[in-house]
Amino acid sequence: PDAAQEQETMQATTLDSLLALAEIALAAGEEERATYHADGRRETVSTHTMMLGLVACEVARSSNARLALGFPLLDPGLVAQFALVHDVAEVAPGGPGDLDTFGNTDPKARAERDAAEACARALLAESHPRWLGPMVERYERMDTLEARLVHYLDKILPKMTLALSSCRQWVEAGHTLEEFQEFVAKQGAALAERHPDITPICGPLYEALNERVERAWTERGEA
C-alpha cells in the first residue's frame, strides 16, 4: 500500500482504539458501587475514580511538603495516572464489575472477581498496549510508592462517602457500629502490614476518617 493508505489505516486503528477507551469510560459511569451519595443515589466507578484522583494528588503534595521530616518524594503525575486506571479492569470487557468488600465476604465471590479482573487485564494489555494496558499492570505490581499510595487510599476512600452520607449505606444495610469498628481494626492492620512505607503518610488520615465516620454514625442515631 502507498503512504496515504498506510496513514489512513493508522488513523482508523487509532480511532478504533480511542473509541474503545471511550466505551470503557462510559461503562465506568454506569457501574454502580455499594457506596451512596448523601441523597441515596449510588456512587459510580467514575465518581469514585475522580474522588481518588483528587484526594491522592492532594495527599501526595502534602507529603512532599514534609520532605525535611524524612517523608519520601512522590510524583503527583504518576499518582494521578494510577488513580485513573486503578479500577479500569472492573469495567473493561471481561471485567467483573464492582464488589462490596465490606458486605460480601464470600471467599468464592472474591476469587471469581479476582479471576475475572486478571482476564480483563490480559485483554487490556493486548488491546491497549501503548499506555493503558501497561499502566494497569504497573499499578497491579505495586512496586512504586505512588501505586501503593493509591492502593492505600482506595481502600479507605469509601469511609469518605460514609462520612458525607451520614453512614447511610451501612445503616440501611443493617450493620452496627461495632461491626464497623471490627472492620476498621482488621483493615488498618492489613494496610499497615502490606504498606509499611505508606502508613506514616496516610495513617493519621485513616484514624481521623474513622473518627469522623463514628461521629456521623452517632449523630445519625441521635437525629
Foldseek 3Di string as FASTA:
>chain_A
DDPVVVVVVVVVLVVVLVVLVVVLLVLQVVFFELFAALVGHTDGNNNLLVVLLVVLLVLLVVQCVCVVVVADHDDSVLLNLCSNQQCSLCRHVQAVTYDDVLVDVDPVVVVVNVVSSVVSLVVCCVSPVPPNSVSNVVLVVVPDPSSLSSVLCSVQVSLVSLLNNLNVSQVVVPDDPVSVVVVLVVSVVVSCVVCVSCCVSCVVVSVVSNVSNVVSPVVVVVD
